[in-house]
Amino acid sequence: MTKRLTISIEDDVYDVLEKWADEEVRTLANLAAAIVTIEARKRAATPSEDTK
């Protein structure tokens, strides 16, 4: 199941993401979802300090 979330970001960050999304010919929402997914999966695959 897909979950939906809403975030607020500063204007300068939005501008960077918007340019990045345009360069990749994708929507900003799709880019943000991809970034979050990649980073979350990296974190899940890396043992935290608590489990070492």
PDB file of N, CA and C in Angstrom:
ATOM      1  N   MET A   1       0.838  -1.174   0.000  1.00  0.00           N
ATOM      2  CA  MET A   1       0.000   0.000   0.000  1.00  0.00           C
ATOM      3  C   MET A   1       0.888   1.244   0.000  1.00  0.00           C
ATOM      4  N   THR A   2       0.500   2.230  -0.749  1.00  0.00           N
ATOM      5  CA  THR A   2       1.227   3.490  -0.819  1.00  0.00           C
ATOM      6  C   THR A   2       0.669   4.464   0.205  1.00  0.00           C
ATOM      7  N   LYS A   3       1.564   5.127   0.915  1.00  0.00           N
ATOM      8  CA  LYS A   3       1.176   6.146   1.895  1.00  0.00           C
ATOM      9  C   LYS A   3       1.469   7.521   1.318  1.00  0.00           C
ATOM     10  N   ARG A   4       0.722   8.497   1.744  1.00  0.00           N
ATOM     11  CA  ARG A   4       0.888   9.865   1.277  1.00  0.00           C
ATOM     12  C   ARG A   4       1.295  10.737   2.462  1.00  0.00           C
ATOM     13  N   LEU A   5       2.219  11.684   2.233  1.00  0.00           N
ATOM     14  CA  LEU A   5       2.574  12.616   3.290  1.00  0.00           C
ATOM     15  C   LEU A   5       2.783  14.003   2.707  1.00  0.00           C
ATOM     16  N   THR A   6       2.648  14.987   3.553  1.00  0.00           N
ATOM     17  CA  THR A   6       2.817  16.382   3.150  1.00  0.00           C
ATOM     18  C   THR A   6       3.980  16.960   3.936  1.00  0.00           C
ATOM     19  N   ILE A   7       4.855  17.691   3.251  1.00  0.00           N
ATOM     20  CA  ILE A   7       5.986  18.338   3.923  1.00  0.00           C
ATOM     21  C   ILE A   7       6.023  19.819   3.556  1.00  0.00           C
ATOM     22  N   SER A   8       6.711  20.584   4.380  1.00  0.00           N
ATOM     23  CA  SER A   8       6.963  21.997   4.100  1.00  0.00           C
ATOM     24  C   SER A   8       8.467  22.181   4.004  1.00  0.00           C
ATOM     25  N   ILE A   9       8.913  22.910   2.982  1.00  0.00           N
ATOM     26  CA  ILE A   9      10.338  23.174   2.806  1.00  0.00           C
ATOM     27  C   ILE A   9      10.535  24.655   2.496  1.00  0.00           C
ATOM     28  N   GLU A  10      11.726  25.126   2.743  1.00  0.00           N
ATOM     29  CA  GLU A  10      12.074  26.521   2.461  1.00  0.00           C
ATOM     30  C   GLU A  10      12.079  26.769   0.957  1.00  0.00           C
ATOM     31  N   ASP A  11      11.871  28.013   0.576  1.00  0.00           N
ATOM     32  CA  ASP A  11      11.830  28.391  -0.836  1.00  0.00           C
ATOM     33  C   ASP A  11      13.102  28.010  -1.586  1.00  0.00           C
ATOM     34  N   ASP A  12      14.267  28.222  -0.963  1.00  0.00           N
ATOM     35  CA  ASP A  12      15.520  27.924  -1.652  1.00  0.00           C
ATOM     36  C   ASP A  12      15.668  26.428  -1.926  1.00  0.00           C
ATOM     37  N   VAL A  13      15.215  25.601  -1.002  1.00  0.00           N
ATOM     38  CA  VAL A  13      15.265  24.151  -1.191  1.00  0.00           C
ATOM     39  C   VAL A  13      14.292  23.740  -2.294  1.00  0.00           C
ATOM     40  N   TYR A  14      13.114  24.332  -2.292  1.00  0.00           N
ATOM     41  CA  TYR A  14      12.131  24.053  -3.334  1.00  0.00           C
ATOM     42  C   TYR A  14      12.710  24.379  -4.711  1.00  0.00           C
ATOM     43  N   ASP A  15      13.386  25.517  -4.821  1.00  0.00           N
ATOM     44  CA  ASP A  15      13.968  25.922  -6.099  1.00  0.00           C
ATOM     45  C   ASP A  15      15.007  24.912  -6.590  1.00  0.00           C
ATOM     46  N   VAL A  16      15.844  24.431  -5.685  1.00  0.00           N
ATOM     47  CA  VAL A  16      16.859  23.432  -6.044  1.00  0.00           C
ATOM     48  C   VAL A  16      16.184  22.148  -6.519  1.00  0.00           C
ATOM     49  N   LEU A  17      15.190  21.689  -5.773  1.00  0.00           N
ATOM     50  CA  LEU A  17      14.487  20.455  -6.142  1.00  0.00           C
ATOM     51  C   LEU A  17      13.733  20.609  -7.460  1.00  0.00           C
ATOM     52  N   GLU A  18      13.141  21.771  -7.666  1.00  0.00           N
ATOM     53  CA  GLU A  18      12.403  22.013  -8.899  1.00  0.00           C
ATOM     54  C   GLU A  18      13.335  21.955 -10.114  1.00  0.00           C
ATOM     55  N   LYS A  19      14.513  22.567  -9.994  1.00  0.00           N
ATOM     56  CA  LYS A  19      15.497  22.531 -11.083  1.00  0.00           C
ATOM     57  C   LYS A  19      15.967  21.101 -11.322  1.00  0.00           C
ATOM     58  N   TRP A  20      16.242  20.374 -10.252  1.00  0.00           N
ATOM     59  CA  TRP A  20      16.696  18.989 -10.334  1.00  0.00           C
ATOM     60  C   TRP A  20      15.636  18.137 -11.047  1.00  0.00           C
ATOM     61  N   ALA A  21      14.391  18.289 -10.647  1.00  0.00           N
ATOM     62  CA  ALA A  21      13.295  17.529 -11.258  1.00  0.00           C
ATOM     63  C   ALA A  21      13.176  17.855 -12.743  1.00  0.00           C
ATOM     64  N   ASP A  22      13.287  19.120 -13.090  1.00  0.00           N
ATOM     65  CA  ASP A  22      13.228  19.521 -14.498  1.00  0.00           C
ATOM     66  C   ASP A  22      14.350  18.869 -15.304  1.00  0.00           C
ATOM     67  N   GLU A  23      15.546  18.820 -14.732  1.00  0.00           N
ATOM     68  CA  GLU A  23      16.690  18.201 -15.411  1.00  0.00           C
ATOM     69  C   GLU A  23      16.457  16.708 -15.658  1.00  0.00           C
ATOM     70  N   GLU A  24      15.707  16.071 -14.770  1.00  0.00           N
ATOM     71  CA  GLU A  24      15.431  14.634 -14.891  1.00  0.00           C
ATOM     72  C   GLU A  24      14.088  14.358 -15.574  1.00  0.00           C
ATOM     73  N   VAL A  25      13.438  15.400 -16.049  1.00  0.00           N
ATOM     74  CA  VAL A  25      12.137  15.306 -16.733  1.00  0.00           C
ATOM     75  C   VAL A  25      11.156  14.479 -15.890  1.00  0.00           C
ATOM     76  N   ARG A  26      10.978  14.926 -14.664  1.00  0.00           N
ATOM     77  CA  ARG A  26      10.017  14.295 -13.754  1.00  0.00           C
ATOM     78  C   ARG A  26       9.390  15.367 -12.888  1.00  0.00           C
ATOM     79  N   THR A  27       8.320  15.020 -12.213  1.00  0.00           N
ATOM     80  CA  THR A  27       7.685  15.980 -11.317  1.00  0.00           C
ATOM     81  C   THR A  27       8.513  16.119 -10.049  1.00  0.00           C
ATOM     82  N   LEU A  28       8.329  17.248  -9.396  1.00  0.00           N
ATOM     83  CA  LEU A  28       9.023  17.453  -8.131  1.00  0.00           C
ATOM     84  C   LEU A  28       8.577  16.418  -7.099  1.00  0.00           C
ATOM     85  N   ALA A  29       7.297  16.099  -7.073  1.00  0.00           N
ATOM     86  CA  ALA A  29       6.793  15.095  -6.130  1.00  0.00           C
ATOM     87  C   ALA A  29       7.432  13.733  -6.387  1.00  0.00           C
ATOM     88  N   ASN A  30       7.591  13.370  -7.661  1.00  0.00           N
ATOM     89  CA  ASN A  30       8.215  12.092  -7.997  1.00  0.00           C
ATOM     90  C   ASN A  30       9.679  12.080  -7.576  1.00  0.00           C
ATOM     91  N   LEU A  31      10.383  13.188  -7.798  1.00  0.00           N
ATOM     92  CA  LEU A  31      11.779  13.291  -7.372  1.00  0.00           C
ATOM     93  C   LEU A  31      11.889  13.163  -5.862  1.00  0.00           C
ATOM     94  N   ALA A  32      11.054  13.889  -5.137  1.00  0.00           N
ATOM     95  CA  ALA A  32      11.086  13.837  -3.670  1.00  0.00           C
ATOM     96  C   ALA A  32      10.805  12.425  -3.167  1.00  0.00           C
ATOM     97  N   ALA A  33       9.832  11.758  -3.778  1.00  0.00           N
ATOM     98  CA  ALA A  33       9.519  10.381  -3.374  1.00  0.00           C
ATOM     99  C   ALA A  33      10.710   9.465  -3.635  1.00  0.00           C
ATOM    100  N   ALA A  34      11.387   9.655  -4.770  1.00  0.00           N
ATOM    101  CA  ALA A  34      12.553   8.830  -5.093  1.00  0.00           C
ATOM    102  C   ALA A  34      13.686   9.062  -4.092  1.00  0.00           C
ATOM    103  N   ILE A  35      13.957  10.320  -3.760  1.00  0.00           N
ATOM    104  CA  ILE A  35      15.017  10.650  -2.794  1.00  0.00           C
ATOM    105  C   ILE A  35      14.709  10.016  -1.433  1.00  0.00           C
ATOM    106  N   VAL A  36      13.497  10.181  -0.966  1.00  0.00           N
ATOM    107  CA  VAL A  36      13.108   9.634   0.337  1.00  0.00           C
ATOM    108  C   VAL A  36      13.206   8.111   0.323  1.00  0.00           C
ATOM    109  N   THR A  37      12.735   7.485  -0.751  1.00  0.00           N
ATOM    110  CA  THR A  37      12.775   6.024  -0.847  1.00  0.00           C
ATOM    111  C   THR A  37      14.210   5.510  -0.835  1.00  0.00           C
ATOM    112  N   ILE A  38      15.075   6.114  -1.638  1.00  0.00           N
ATOM    113  CA  ILE A  38      16.480   5.688  -1.697  1.00  0.00           C
ATOM    114  C   ILE A  38      17.147   5.815  -0.337  1.00  0.00           C
ATOM    115  N   GLU A  39      16.979   6.954   0.310  1.00  0.00           N
ATOM    116  CA  GLU A  39      17.628   7.182   1.602  1.00  0.00           C
ATOM    117  C   GLU A  39      17.058   6.290   2.703  1.00  0.00           C
ATOM    118  N   ALA A  40      15.756   6.068   2.687  1.00  0.00           N
ATOM    119  CA  ALA A  40      15.143   5.188   3.692  1.00  0.00           C
ATOM    120  C   ALA A  40      15.638   3.759   3.533  1.00  0.00           C
ATOM    121  N   ARG A  41      15.755   3.295   2.294  1.00  0.00           N
ATOM    122  CA  ARG A  41      16.247   1.933   2.058  1.00  0.00           C
ATOM    123  C   ARG A  41      17.710   1.788   2.437  1.00  0.00           C
ATOM    124  N   LYS A  42      18.517   2.828   2.202  1.00  0.00           N
ATOM    125  CA  LYS A  42      19.916   2.810   2.653  1.00  0.00           C
ATOM    126  C   LYS A  42      19.974   2.685   4.167  1.00  0.00           C
ATOM    127  N   ARG A  43      19.150   3.478   4.839  1.00  0.00           N
ATOM    128  CA  ARG A  43      19.135   3.467   6.304  1.00  0.00           C
ATOM    129  C   ARG A  43      18.695   2.117   6.837  1.00  0.00           C
ATOM    130  N   ALA A  44      17.700   1.518   6.213  1.00  0.00           N
ATOM    131  CA  ALA A  44      17.204   0.211   6.646  1.00  0.00           C
ATOM    132  C   ALA A  44      18.259  -0.872   6.448  1.00  0.00           C
ATOM    133  N   ALA A  45      19.117  -0.716   5.445  1.00  0.00           N
ATOM    134  CA  ALA A  45      20.127  -1.716   5.144  1.00  0.00           C
ATOM    135  C   ALA A  45      21.397  -1.546   5.987  1.00  0.00           C
ATOM    136  N   THR A  46      21.545  -0.402   6.630  1.00  0.00           N
ATOM    137  CA  THR A  46      22.733  -0.106   7.430  1.00  0.00           C
ATOM    138  C   THR A  46      22.416  -0.277   8.909  1.00  0.00           C
ATOM    139  N   PRO A  47      23.154  -1.140   9.604  1.00  0.00           N
ATOM    140  CA  PRO A  47      22.907  -1.309  11.041  1.00  0.00           C
ATOM    141  C   PRO A  47      23.102   0.008  11.784  1.00  0.00           C
ATOM    142  N   SER A  48      22.208   0.316  12.684  1.00  0.00           N
ATOM    143  CA  SER A  48      22.353   1.549  13.461  1.00  0.00           C
ATOM    144  C   SER A  48      23.354   1.341  14.581  1.00  0.00           C
ATOM    145  N   GLU A  49      23.747   2.406  15.216  1.00  0.00           N
ATOM    146  CA  GLU A  49      24.705   2.336  16.334  1.00  0.00           C
ATOM    147  C   GLU A  49      24.133   1.485  17.471  1.00  0.00           C
ATOM    148  N   ASP A  50      22.813   1.495  17.640  1.00  0.00           N
ATOM    149  CA  ASP A  50      22.176   0.734  18.719  1.00  0.00           C
ATOM    150  C   ASP A  50      22.299  -0.771  18.531  1.00  0.00           C
ATOM    151  N   THR A  51      22.388  -1.227  17.276  1.00  0.00           N
ATOM    152  CA  THR A  51      22.409  -2.667  17.027  1.00  0.00           C
ATOM    153  C   THR A  51      23.805  -3.195  16.805  1.00  0.00           C
ATOM    154  N   LYS A  52      24.825  -2.340  16.881  1.00  0.00           N
ATOM    155  CA  LYS A  52      26.211  -2.798  16.694  1.00  0.00           C
ATOM    156  C   LYS A  52      26.752  -3.389  17.963  1.00  0.00           C
TER     157      LYS A  52
END
